Amino acid sequence: MPDDAQTPPSTFPRSAIIAAILTKTCFNSTIRFLFPFLAYFAEDMGITLELFSQTVLVAAEVSALVATFMSSWVSSYGSTTTCAFCCLVGGLSNVCVIFLPARLDSTPPLAVLCALRLIFGVTFNLLNSSVQSSIVHNVDEGVIGKITGIVESSWTMGALSFVAVGLILSSYGWKGPFVANGFLMLLMAPVVYKYMPRDSGCKDQTEAGKEVGEPARDERKGEASSAGATKLWKERENMGDYEGRGSAPPAP
């Protein structure tokens, strides 16, 4: 049975809240730690601050546009599966910077970095959509705002990584924060998959409809046919009564 075909719970359990906060903190910190250390990253990469800023900006804007057209994945495969997928792909996009040269003063490696940031940006936006979808589907209406506020505190918690990022930068260079954060995202994939509540994607609903809906439709068709035959028999019986009395039936 597909993992998202289970009946969603009526509440968002505490374990799911913690999993969502930790996962979003990993993603948010990767977005946030760039800005206070932007000049350091550019210098360590061997490129100008303007060029690195433009690379980050282009990747962020294009990824947001691409994620808009891919948001239907959340409905198709379910929020839990999409969250785990985003953790895997987003984590790998960060870890893969380890294969880039230390200096990005030529076009090919800088283009690869831009592509990796674009992939991460797509997963970042899809993850946000997935978490919000999971909250809406699995939380009672009266506490949706409260749970959303708690989970979105992860944006502030992302700033707590700045101390660690500074230490990693000074010891391992510009690749260190990306690789460390990427491994954390990969570790979060099974956590999200286990603890986030499952909601039904439309693919699973279609399969369920084939298994359950079609027999139900056949049963309804049989009931409708039986009711129609009974009505027709009664009409013919009434016509026979009127003919026997020699009078015409009333006009409809």
Protein backbone atom coordinates (compact mmCIF):
# COMPACT_ATOMS: atom_id res chain seq x y z
CA MET A 1 0.00 0.00 0.00
CA PRO A 2 1.36 3.48 -0.83
CA ASP A 3 2.68 5.34 2.18
CA ASP A 4 0.27 8.26 1.79
CA ALA A 5 -2.88 6.17 1.42
CA GLN A 6 -3.48 5.93 5.15
CA THR A 7 -6.26 7.80 6.89
CA PRO A 8 -4.88 11.11 8.22
CA PRO A 9 -5.02 11.67 11.97
CA SER A 10 -7.23 14.37 13.42
CA THR A 11 -4.30 16.19 15.09
CA PHE A 12 -0.71 17.07 14.31
CA PRO A 13 1.30 15.04 16.87
CA ARG A 14 4.15 16.58 18.84
CA SER A 15 6.67 14.35 17.10
CA ALA A 16 5.54 15.75 13.74
CA ILE A 17 5.89 19.33 15.01
CA ILE A 18 9.46 18.64 16.16
CA ALA A 19 10.31 16.92 12.86
CA ALA A 20 8.88 19.83 10.86
CA ILE A 21 10.76 22.44 12.94
CA LEU A 22 14.09 20.62 12.68
CA THR A 23 13.72 20.06 8.94
CA LYS A 24 12.71 23.63 8.19
CA THR A 25 15.54 24.90 10.44
CA CYS A 26 18.06 23.00 8.30
CA PHE A 27 16.63 24.49 5.11
CA ASN A 28 16.21 27.99 6.55
CA SER A 29 19.75 28.10 7.92
CA THR A 30 21.11 27.31 4.44
CA ILE A 31 19.25 30.35 3.16
CA ARG A 32 20.09 32.62 6.09
CA PHE A 33 23.78 31.93 6.72
CA LEU A 34 24.70 33.28 3.29
CA PHE A 35 23.76 36.88 4.05
CA PRO A 36 25.93 37.75 7.08
CA PHE A 37 28.89 35.88 5.54
CA LEU A 38 28.31 36.90 1.92
CA ALA A 39 31.55 38.86 1.61
CA TYR A 40 33.56 36.05 3.22
CA PHE A 41 32.07 33.44 0.86
CA ALA A 42 32.85 35.60 -2.18
CA GLU A 43 36.44 36.23 -1.07
CA ASP A 44 37.09 32.58 -0.28
CA MET A 45 35.61 31.56 -3.66
CA GLY A 46 37.86 34.00 -5.47
CA ILE A 47 35.02 35.98 -7.07
CA THR A 48 33.65 39.45 -6.53
CA LEU A 49 30.92 40.17 -4.02
CA GLU A 50 28.66 41.46 -6.81
CA LEU A 51 29.04 38.28 -8.87
CA PHE A 52 28.31 35.98 -5.95
CA SER A 53 25.31 38.10 -4.92
CA GLN A 54 23.93 37.92 -8.46
CA THR A 55 24.45 34.14 -8.53
CA VAL A 56 22.54 33.69 -5.29
CA LEU A 57 19.76 36.05 -6.41
CA VAL A 58 19.26 34.45 -9.83
CA ALA A 59 19.16 30.95 -8.36
CA ALA A 60 16.63 32.01 -5.71
CA GLU A 61 14.29 33.77 -8.13
CA VAL A 62 14.36 31.08 -10.82
CA SER A 63 13.89 28.29 -8.28
CA ALA A 64 10.81 30.00 -6.85
CA LEU A 65 9.32 30.17 -10.36
CA VAL A 66 10.13 26.52 -11.10
CA ALA A 67 8.67 25.40 -7.76
CA THR A 68 5.42 27.14 -8.64
CA PHE A 69 4.90 24.76 -11.56
CA MET A 70 6.02 21.74 -9.51
CA SER A 71 3.77 22.42 -6.52
CA SER A 72 1.24 19.89 -7.84
CA TRP A 73 3.65 17.20 -6.64
CA VAL A 74 2.43 17.84 -3.12
CA SER A 75 -1.11 16.92 -4.18
CA SER A 76 0.01 14.03 -6.35
CA TYR A 77 2.37 12.24 -3.99
CA GLY A 78 1.34 13.54 -0.56
CA SER A 79 3.11 16.00 1.72
CA THR A 80 5.12 13.40 3.66
CA THR A 81 6.66 11.83 0.57
CA THR A 82 7.41 15.27 -0.89
CA CYS A 83 9.08 16.42 2.35
CA ALA A 84 11.33 13.36 2.42
CA PHE A 85 12.14 13.82 -1.27
CA CYS A 86 13.07 17.48 -0.67
CA CYS A 87 15.37 16.50 2.21
CA LEU A 88 17.19 13.98 0.02
CA VAL A 89 17.55 16.16 -3.08
CA GLY A 90 18.19 19.39 -1.16
CA GLY A 91 20.78 17.67 1.00
CA LEU A 92 22.57 16.19 -2.00
CA SER A 93 22.64 19.58 -3.75
CA ASN A 94 24.51 20.98 -0.74
CA VAL A 95 26.87 18.02 -0.31
CA CYS A 96 27.80 18.09 -4.00
CA VAL A 97 29.66 21.41 -3.60
CA ILE A 98 32.50 19.31 -2.20
CA PHE A 99 33.32 18.31 -5.79
CA LEU A 100 33.74 21.92 -6.93
CA PRO A 101 37.20 23.54 -6.99
CA ALA A 102 38.11 25.77 -4.08
CA ARG A 103 38.33 28.80 -6.36
CA LEU A 104 35.35 29.60 -8.59
CA ASP A 105 37.06 32.26 -10.71
CA SER A 106 36.01 30.60 -13.98
CA THR A 107 32.58 30.23 -15.57
CA PRO A 108 32.00 26.42 -15.52
CA PRO A 109 32.30 25.84 -11.74
CA LEU A 110 30.33 29.02 -11.01
CA ALA A 111 27.56 27.79 -13.33
CA VAL A 112 27.53 24.45 -11.50
CA LEU A 113 27.22 26.25 -8.16
CA CYS A 114 24.32 28.30 -9.55
CA ALA A 115 22.61 25.09 -10.73
CA LEU A 116 23.09 23.46 -7.31
CA ARG A 117 21.62 26.54 -5.60
CA LEU A 118 18.69 26.45 -8.03
CA ILE A 119 17.98 22.79 -7.18
CA PHE A 120 18.16 23.58 -3.49
CA GLY A 121 15.82 26.54 -3.96
CA VAL A 122 13.22 24.34 -5.66
CA THR A 123 13.31 21.83 -2.81
CA PHE A 124 13.17 24.67 -0.26
CA ASN A 125 9.95 26.03 -1.76
CA LEU A 126 8.41 22.58 -2.21
CA LEU A 127 9.21 21.71 1.40
CA ASN A 128 7.43 24.83 2.64
CA SER A 129 4.35 23.94 0.56
CA SER A 130 4.44 20.35 1.82
CA VAL A 131 4.63 21.30 5.50
CA GLN A 132 1.79 23.80 5.14
CA SER A 133 -0.30 21.22 3.29
CA SER A 134 0.34 18.64 6.01
CA ILE A 135 -0.72 21.06 8.73
CA VAL A 136 -3.94 22.01 6.93
CA HIS A 137 -4.87 18.38 6.26
CA ASN A 138 -4.08 17.00 9.71
CA VAL A 139 -4.76 19.77 12.22
CA ASP A 140 -8.13 20.74 13.64
CA GLU A 141 -9.35 24.01 12.16
CA GLY A 142 -9.22 25.86 15.46
CA VAL A 143 -5.47 25.32 15.98
CA ILE A 144 -4.09 25.62 12.43
CA GLY A 145 -2.75 29.12 13.14
CA LYS A 146 -1.11 28.03 16.39
CA ILE A 147 0.66 25.01 14.89
CA THR A 148 1.74 27.04 11.86
CA GLY A 149 3.22 29.73 14.11
CA ILE A 150 5.15 27.15 16.12
CA VAL A 151 6.57 25.49 13.01
CA GLU A 152 7.48 28.82 11.38
CA SER A 153 9.62 29.68 14.40
CA SER A 154 12.20 27.63 12.53
CA TRP A 155 13.03 30.75 10.49
CA THR A 156 14.30 32.44 13.65
CA MET A 157 16.02 29.26 14.81
CA GLY A 158 17.96 29.24 11.55
CA ALA A 159 19.90 32.24 12.85
CA LEU A 160 21.23 30.11 15.71
CA SER A 161 23.45 28.34 13.19
CA PHE A 162 25.50 31.50 12.57
CA VAL A 163 27.99 30.71 15.36
CA ALA A 164 28.56 27.20 14.04
CA VAL A 165 28.80 28.50 10.46
CA GLY A 166 31.48 31.01 11.49
CA LEU A 167 33.55 28.30 13.15
CA ILE A 168 33.19 25.93 10.18
CA LEU A 169 34.10 28.70 7.72
CA SER A 170 37.27 29.54 9.60
CA SER A 171 38.32 25.88 9.75
CA TYR A 172 37.14 24.32 6.48
CA GLY A 173 36.50 27.18 4.05
CA TRP A 174 33.36 28.08 2.13
CA LYS A 175 32.38 24.47 1.34
CA GLY A 176 32.16 23.44 5.00
CA PRO A 177 28.77 25.00 5.93
CA PHE A 178 27.09 23.65 2.78
CA VAL A 179 28.39 20.11 3.29
CA ALA A 180 27.56 20.04 7.01
CA ASN A 181 24.07 21.35 6.41
CA GLY A 182 23.57 18.93 3.52
CA PHE A 183 24.33 15.93 5.72
CA LEU A 184 21.85 17.20 8.31
CA MET A 185 19.15 17.38 5.62
CA LEU A 186 19.90 13.83 4.52
CA LEU A 187 19.54 12.68 8.12
CA MET A 188 16.18 14.44 8.36
CA ALA A 189 14.69 12.53 5.40
CA PRO A 190 13.93 9.30 7.35
CA VAL A 191 12.83 11.35 10.39
CA VAL A 192 10.28 13.25 8.31
CA TYR A 193 9.11 10.08 6.61
CA LYS A 194 8.55 8.34 9.94
CA TYR A 195 7.01 11.07 12.08
CA MET A 196 5.11 13.38 9.73
CA PRO A 197 1.43 12.38 9.41
CA ARG A 198 0.41 10.87 6.10
CA ASP A 199 -2.15 12.46 3.81
CA SER A 200 -3.56 10.96 0.63
CA GLY A 201 -2.08 12.10 -2.67
CA CYS A 202 -4.40 12.18 -5.64
CA LYS A 203 -2.63 9.18 -7.20
CA ASP A 204 -3.44 7.12 -4.14
CA GLN A 205 -7.00 8.43 -4.13
CA THR A 206 -7.36 7.31 -7.76
CA GLU A 207 -6.13 3.83 -6.88
CA ALA A 208 -8.45 3.72 -3.90
CA GLY A 209 -11.30 4.79 -6.13
CA LYS A 210 -10.58 1.91 -8.48
CA GLU A 211 -10.62 -0.55 -5.58
CA VAL A 212 -13.58 0.85 -3.65
CA GLY A 213 -15.40 3.35 -5.82
CA GLU A 214 -16.11 1.18 -8.85
CA PRO A 215 -17.93 -1.59 -6.96
CA ALA A 216 -19.90 1.08 -5.17
CA ARG A 217 -20.85 2.64 -8.49
CA ASP A 218 -21.90 -0.76 -9.83
CA GLU A 219 -24.01 -1.30 -6.73
CA ARG A 220 -25.64 2.10 -7.14
CA LYS A 221 -26.36 1.32 -10.79
CA GLY A 222 -28.02 -1.93 -9.75
CA GLU A 223 -30.15 -0.16 -7.18
CA ALA A 224 -31.17 2.48 -9.73
CA SER A 225 -32.12 -0.19 -12.27
CA SER A 226 -34.19 -2.05 -9.68
CA ALA A 227 -35.97 1.13 -8.63
CA GLY A 228 -36.73 2.00 -12.26
CA ALA A 229 -38.14 -1.45 -12.96
CA THR A 230 -40.37 -1.27 -9.87
CA LYS A 231 -41.69 2.16 -10.90
CA LEU A 232 -42.42 0.94 -14.45
CA TRP A 233 -44.25 -2.15 -13.14
CA LYS A 234 -46.46 0.01 -10.88
CA GLU A 235 -47.32 2.33 -13.77
CA ARG A 236 -48.36 -0.60 -15.95
CA GLU A 237 -50.40 -2.04 -13.09
CA ASN A 238 -52.25 1.27 -12.66
CA MET A 239 -52.94 1.44 -16.40
CA GLY A 240 -54.42 -2.05 -16.23
CA ASP A 241 -56.73 -1.02 -13.38
CA TYR A 242 -58.07 1.96 -15.31
CA GLU A 243 -58.61 -0.11 -18.45
CA GLY A 244 -60.56 -2.69 -16.43
CA ARG A 245 -62.90 0.04 -15.10
CA GLY A 246 -63.33 1.52 -18.54
CA SER A 247 -62.00 4.94 -17.50
CA ALA A 248 -58.97 6.89 -18.61
CA PRO A 249 -56.09 7.46 -16.23
CA PRO A 250 -55.59 11.01 -14.94
CA ALA A 251 -53.35 13.28 -16.95
CA PRO A 252 -49.83 13.55 -15.54
